[in-house]
């Protein structure tokens, strides 16, 4: 019964999107290779390495998310990818640009072009059993550098938790707790 209710909800959402004229996109992920490691110092135990290409349709925007483990190593191979940070700000990357989506930092990807697609080659190193991304709402964090905690910056963070003080935020950056 629960499975049928889930299917009915999906059908209703799809029908509503069609009636409202909303275009529903889903980035196309093509897995190139997956490998297992018995131990990675980066994740402190067994890990999975995944390589893929991710293709964004014109005007497509991904969900807010973050990556565990190493984060995501990216190379844009086509188009211009805009990364919007959950704490504010955007950075544009074009063909040949490489960048790291820092671990646990909430963000989303956007293709601002309404004609051409964006293609990105990605590599992930995550703890064994973790997925490639964790979907969230828009959140600010995790802080990646001590400087982000200074001058009241600690008050802006909501992921992975709110901080009690600048010192609490700095301690999180140093220890991850």
C-alpha atoms as a PDB file:
ATOM      1  CA  UNK A   1       0.000   0.000   0.000  1.00  0.00           C
ATOM      2  CA  UNK A   2       2.786   2.438   0.897  1.00  0.00           C
ATOM      3  CA  UNK A   3       4.519   1.815  -2.460  1.00  0.00           C
ATOM      4  CA  UNK A   4       1.287   2.661  -4.334  1.00  0.00           C
ATOM      5  CA  UNK A   5       0.859   5.879  -2.337  1.00  0.00           C
ATOM      6  CA  UNK A   6       4.409   6.896  -3.283  1.00  0.00           C
ATOM      7  CA  UNK A   7       3.710   6.183  -6.991  1.00  0.00           C
ATOM      8  CA  UNK A   8       0.466   8.172  -6.791  1.00  0.00           C
ATOM      9  CA  UNK A   9       2.278  11.163  -5.279  1.00  0.00           C
ATOM     10  CA  UNK A  10       4.889  11.085  -8.043  1.00  0.00           C
ATOM     11  CA  UNK A  11       2.142  10.897 -10.693  1.00  0.00           C
ATOM     12  CA  UNK A  12       0.298  13.849  -9.133  1.00  0.00           C
ATOM     13  CA  UNK A  13       3.479  15.968  -8.970  1.00  0.00           C
ATOM     14  CA  UNK A  14       4.343  15.129 -12.588  1.00  0.00           C
ATOM     15  CA  UNK A  15       0.809  15.967 -13.749  1.00  0.00           C
ATOM     16  CA  UNK A  16       0.858  19.261 -11.826  1.00  0.00           C
ATOM     17  CA  UNK A  17       4.203  20.190 -13.369  1.00  0.00           C
ATOM     18  CA  UNK A  18       2.853  19.413 -16.841  1.00  0.00           C
ATOM     19  CA  UNK A  19      -0.313  21.466 -16.258  1.00  0.00           C
ATOM     20  CA  UNK A  20       1.668  24.418 -14.916  1.00  0.00           C
ATOM     21  CA  UNK A  21       4.103  24.284 -17.820  1.00  0.00           C
ATOM     22  CA  UNK A  22       7.072  23.587 -15.567  1.00  0.00           C
ATOM     23  CA  UNK A  23      10.009  21.891 -17.212  1.00  0.00           C
ATOM     24  CA  UNK A  24      11.453  19.233 -14.941  1.00  0.00           C
ATOM     25  CA  UNK A  25      15.133  18.506 -15.613  1.00  0.00           C
ATOM     26  CA  UNK A  26      17.475  16.016 -14.126  1.00  0.00           C
ATOM     27  CA  UNK A  27      21.184  16.248 -14.810  1.00  0.00           C
ATOM     28  CA  UNK A  28      22.442  13.243 -16.728  1.00  0.00           C
ATOM     29  CA  UNK A  29      25.076  11.325 -14.759  1.00  0.00           C
ATOM     30  CA  UNK A  30      27.236   8.861 -16.677  1.00  0.00           C
ATOM     31  CA  UNK A  31      29.439   6.680 -14.478  1.00  0.00           C
ATOM     32  CA  UNK A  32      32.858   6.074 -16.055  1.00  0.00           C
ATOM     33  CA  UNK A  33      34.469   3.950 -13.329  1.00  0.00           C
ATOM     34  CA  UNK A  34      33.996   2.866  -9.705  1.00  0.00           C
ATOM     35  CA  UNK A  35      36.735   1.376  -7.532  1.00  0.00           C
ATOM     36  CA  UNK A  36      37.125   0.306  -3.910  1.00  0.00           C
ATOM     37  CA  UNK A  37      40.018   1.088  -1.575  1.00  0.00           C
ATOM     38  CA  UNK A  38      40.712  -1.002   1.523  1.00  0.00           C
ATOM     39  CA  UNK A  39      41.873   2.144   3.336  1.00  0.00           C
ATOM     40  CA  UNK A  40      42.085   5.857   2.608  1.00  0.00           C
ATOM     41  CA  UNK A  41      43.723   8.263   5.045  1.00  0.00           C
ATOM     42  CA  UNK A  42      41.426  10.994   3.668  1.00  0.00           C
ATOM     43  CA  UNK A  43      38.281   9.263   4.951  1.00  0.00           C
ATOM     44  CA  UNK A  44      39.934   7.234   7.713  1.00  0.00           C
ATOM     45  CA  UNK A  45      38.883   3.833   6.439  1.00  0.00           C
ATOM     46  CA  UNK A  46      37.504   1.962   3.433  1.00  0.00           C
ATOM     47  CA  UNK A  47      36.592   4.222   0.529  1.00  0.00           C
ATOM     48  CA  UNK A  48      34.977   4.266  -2.884  1.00  0.00           C
ATOM     49  CA  UNK A  49      36.362   6.236  -5.826  1.00  0.00           C
ATOM     50  CA  UNK A  50      33.857   7.177  -8.530  1.00  0.00           C
ATOM     51  CA  UNK A  51      34.498   8.963 -11.820  1.00  0.00           C
ATOM     52  CA  UNK A  52      31.609  10.310 -13.866  1.00  0.00           C
ATOM     53  CA  UNK A  53      30.465  12.960 -16.272  1.00  0.00           C
ATOM     54  CA  UNK A  54      27.539  15.177 -15.328  1.00  0.00           C
ATOM     55  CA  UNK A  55      25.542  16.992 -17.992  1.00  0.00           C
ATOM     56  CA  UNK A  56      23.277  19.966 -17.205  1.00  0.00           C
ATOM     57  CA  UNK A  57      20.547  20.842 -19.705  1.00  0.00           C
ATOM     58  CA  UNK A  58      20.094  24.505 -20.671  1.00  0.00           C
ATOM     59  CA  UNK A  59      18.811  26.568 -17.685  1.00  0.00           C
ATOM     60  CA  UNK A  60      19.076  23.550 -15.341  1.00  0.00           C
ATOM     61  CA  UNK A  61      19.799  24.055 -11.646  1.00  0.00           C
ATOM     62  CA  UNK A  62      20.755  21.182  -9.353  1.00  0.00           C
ATOM     63  CA  UNK A  63      19.356  20.673  -5.867  1.00  0.00           C
ATOM     64  CA  UNK A  64      21.228  22.098  -2.881  1.00  0.00           C
ATOM     65  CA  UNK A  65      23.679  19.414  -1.754  1.00  0.00           C
ATOM     66  CA  UNK A  66      27.088  18.624  -0.333  1.00  0.00           C
ATOM     67  CA  UNK A  67      29.687  15.894  -0.783  1.00  0.00           C
ATOM     68  CA  UNK A  68      31.343  13.786   1.903  1.00  0.00           C
ATOM     69  CA  UNK A  69      34.908  12.456   1.880  1.00  0.00           C
ATOM     70  CA  UNK A  70      37.280  14.416  -0.329  1.00  0.00           C
ATOM     71  CA  UNK A  71      34.451  16.482  -1.834  1.00  0.00           C
ATOM     72  CA  UNK A  72      34.192  16.586  -5.616  1.00  0.00           C
ATOM     73  CA  UNK A  73      37.084  17.252  -8.000  1.00  0.00           C
ATOM     74  CA  UNK A  74      35.707  18.838 -11.175  1.00  0.00           C
ATOM     75  CA  UNK A  75      36.833  19.776 -14.681  1.00  0.00           C
ATOM     76  CA  UNK A  76      34.374  21.642 -16.900  1.00  0.00           C
ATOM     77  CA  UNK A  77      34.570  20.194 -20.403  1.00  0.00           C
ATOM     78  CA  UNK A  78      31.749  22.135 -22.084  1.00  0.00           C
ATOM     79  CA  UNK A  79      29.779  25.302 -21.343  1.00  0.00           C
ATOM     80  CA  UNK A  80      29.894  27.482 -18.242  1.00  0.00           C
ATOM     81  CA  UNK A  81      29.002  26.013 -14.865  1.00  0.00           C
ATOM     82  CA  UNK A  82      28.022  28.357 -12.057  1.00  0.00           C
ATOM     83  CA  UNK A  83      28.472  27.106  -8.505  1.00  0.00           C
ATOM     84  CA  UNK A  84      26.229  28.889  -6.006  1.00  0.00           C
ATOM     85  CA  UNK A  85      27.431  28.636  -2.423  1.00  0.00           C
ATOM     86  CA  UNK A  86      24.810  28.081   0.280  1.00  0.00           C
ATOM     87  CA  UNK A  87      26.377  30.951   2.255  1.00  0.00           C
ATOM     88  CA  UNK A  88      26.016  33.314  -0.703  1.00  0.00           C
ATOM     89  CA  UNK A  89      28.065  34.111  -3.761  1.00  0.00           C
ATOM     90  CA  UNK A  90      28.564  32.430  -7.113  1.00  0.00           C
ATOM     91  CA  UNK A  91      31.608  31.390  -9.116  1.00  0.00           C
ATOM     92  CA  UNK A  92      31.601  30.661 -12.855  1.00  0.00           C
ATOM     93  CA  UNK A  93      33.805  27.959 -14.400  1.00  0.00           C
ATOM     94  CA  UNK A  94      34.375  27.456 -18.132  1.00  0.00           C
ATOM     95  CA  UNK A  95      35.926  24.743 -20.298  1.00  0.00           C
ATOM     96  CA  UNK A  96      39.267  23.606 -18.894  1.00  0.00           C
ATOM     97  CA  UNK A  97      38.631  25.096 -15.438  1.00  0.00           C
ATOM     98  CA  UNK A  98      39.251  22.677 -12.571  1.00  0.00           C
ATOM     99  CA  UNK A  99      37.958  23.183  -9.025  1.00  0.00           C
ATOM    100  CA  UNK A 100      37.162  21.401  -5.780  1.00  0.00           C
ATOM    101  CA  UNK A 101      33.713  21.351  -4.234  1.00  0.00           C
ATOM    102  CA  UNK A 102      34.906  21.286  -0.623  1.00  0.00           C
ATOM    103  CA  UNK A 103      33.668  18.441   1.569  1.00  0.00           C
ATOM    104  CA  UNK A 104      30.451  19.159   3.471  1.00  0.00           C
ATOM    105  CA  UNK A 105      30.077  22.642   1.895  1.00  0.00           C
ATOM    106  CA  UNK A 106      26.472  23.171   0.753  1.00  0.00           C
ATOM    107  CA  UNK A 107      26.168  24.390  -2.853  1.00  0.00           C
ATOM    108  CA  UNK A 108      24.332  23.852  -6.117  1.00  0.00           C
ATOM    109  CA  UNK A 109      25.313  23.885  -9.770  1.00  0.00           C
ATOM    110  CA  UNK A 110      23.624  25.997 -12.443  1.00  0.00           C
ATOM    111  CA  UNK A 111      23.668  26.226 -16.192  1.00  0.00           C
ATOM    112  CA  UNK A 112      22.708  29.851 -16.818  1.00  0.00           C
ATOM    113  CA  UNK A 113      22.709  29.351 -20.591  1.00  0.00           C
ATOM    114  CA  UNK A 114      19.259  28.788 -22.074  1.00  0.00           C
ATOM    115  CA  UNK A 115      20.617  27.121 -25.241  1.00  0.00           C
ATOM    116  CA  UNK A 116      23.786  25.108 -24.584  1.00  0.00           C
ATOM    117  CA  UNK A 117      24.412  22.269 -22.149  1.00  0.00           C
ATOM    118  CA  UNK A 118      27.185  22.125 -19.541  1.00  0.00           C
ATOM    119  CA  UNK A 119      29.319  19.014 -19.086  1.00  0.00           C
ATOM    120  CA  UNK A 120      31.594  18.379 -16.109  1.00  0.00           C
ATOM    121  CA  UNK A 121      34.004  15.498 -15.434  1.00  0.00           C
ATOM    122  CA  UNK A 122      33.984  14.636 -11.720  1.00  0.00           C
ATOM    123  CA  UNK A 123      35.925  12.429  -9.324  1.00  0.00           C
ATOM    124  CA  UNK A 124      34.723  11.517  -5.825  1.00  0.00           C
ATOM    125  CA  UNK A 125      36.526   9.755  -2.973  1.00  0.00           C
ATOM    126  CA  UNK A 126      33.954   8.975  -0.265  1.00  0.00           C
ATOM    127  CA  UNK A 127      33.699   6.635   2.722  1.00  0.00           C
ATOM    128  CA  UNK A 128      32.564   3.175   1.578  1.00  0.00           C
ATOM    129  CA  UNK A 129      28.766   3.112   1.577  1.00  0.00           C
ATOM    130  CA  UNK A 130      28.313   6.876   1.096  1.00  0.00           C
ATOM    131  CA  UNK A 131      26.578   8.242  -1.978  1.00  0.00           C
ATOM    132  CA  UNK A 132      28.075  10.905  -4.221  1.00  0.00           C
ATOM    133  CA  UNK A 133      25.972  13.725  -2.720  1.00  0.00           C
ATOM    134  CA  UNK A 134      23.681  14.469   0.192  1.00  0.00           C
ATOM    135  CA  UNK A 135      20.633  16.541  -0.826  1.00  0.00           C
ATOM    136  CA  UNK A 136      19.683  19.371   1.561  1.00  0.00           C
ATOM    137  CA  UNK A 137      17.790  22.611   1.531  1.00  0.00           C
ATOM    138  CA  UNK A 138      19.822  25.798   1.245  1.00  0.00           C
ATOM    139  CA  UNK A 139      22.144  25.869   4.241  1.00  0.00           C
ATOM    140  CA  UNK A 140      25.309  27.834   4.975  1.00  0.00           C
ATOM    141  CA  UNK A 141      28.382  25.730   5.694  1.00  0.00           C
ATOM    142  CA  UNK A 142      30.344  23.840   6.659  1.00  0.00           C
ATOM    143  CA  UNK A 143      33.048  26.406   7.444  1.00  0.00           C
ATOM    144  CA  UNK A 144      36.173  25.509   5.488  1.00  0.00           C
ATOM    145  CA  UNK A 145      38.670  27.994   6.934  1.00  0.00           C
ATOM    146  CA  UNK A 146      39.268  29.741  10.239  1.00  0.00           C
ATOM    147  CA  UNK A 147      38.887  33.127   8.501  1.00  0.00           C
ATOM    148  CA  UNK A 148      35.236  32.302   7.752  1.00  0.00           C
ATOM    149  CA  UNK A 149      34.583  32.201  11.512  1.00  0.00           C
ATOM    150  CA  UNK A 150      35.991  35.683  12.196  1.00  0.00           C
ATOM    151  CA  UNK A 151      34.187  39.035  12.386  1.00  0.00           C
ATOM    152  CA  UNK A 152      30.832  37.464  13.225  1.00  0.00           C
ATOM    153  CA  UNK A 153      31.007  35.024  10.314  1.00  0.00           C
ATOM    154  CA  UNK A 154      30.434  32.139  12.724  1.00  0.00           C
ATOM    155  CA  UNK A 155      26.845  33.355  13.171  1.00  0.00           C
ATOM    156  CA  UNK A 156      25.943  32.680   9.519  1.00  0.00           C
ATOM    157  CA  UNK A 157      26.602  28.934   9.559  1.00  0.00           C
ATOM    158  CA  UNK A 158      23.686  26.524   9.768  1.00  0.00           C
ATOM    159  CA  UNK A 159      25.438  23.367   8.501  1.00  0.00           C
ATOM    160  CA  UNK A 160      26.371  20.971   9.943  1.00  0.00           C
ATOM    161  CA  UNK A 161      25.155  22.932  12.965  1.00  0.00           C
ATOM    162  CA  UNK A 162      24.920  26.455  14.362  1.00  0.00           C
ATOM    163  CA  UNK A 163      27.904  27.640  16.402  1.00  0.00           C
ATOM    164  CA  UNK A 164      27.865  29.183  19.878  1.00  0.00           C
ATOM    165  CA  UNK A 165      30.838  31.482  19.321  1.00  0.00           C
ATOM    166  CA  UNK A 166      33.765  32.285  17.071  1.00  0.00           C
ATOM    167  CA  UNK A 167      35.868  29.868  19.125  1.00  0.00           C
ATOM    168  CA  UNK A 168      33.320  27.089  18.635  1.00  0.00           C
ATOM    169  CA  UNK A 169      33.418  27.671  14.864  1.00  0.00           C
ATOM    170  CA  UNK A 170      37.239  27.751  14.797  1.00  0.00           C
ATOM    171  CA  UNK A 171      37.372  24.517  16.814  1.00  0.00           C
ATOM    172  CA  UNK A 172      35.058  22.887  14.247  1.00  0.00           C
ATOM    173  CA  UNK A 173      37.345  23.944  11.384  1.00  0.00           C
ATOM    174  CA  UNK A 174      40.374  22.512  13.197  1.00  0.00           C
ATOM    175  CA  UNK A 175      38.853  19.262  14.474  1.00  0.00           C
ATOM    176  CA  UNK A 176      35.770  18.662  12.304  1.00  0.00           C
ATOM    177  CA  UNK A 177      33.661  18.427  15.485  1.00  0.00           C
END
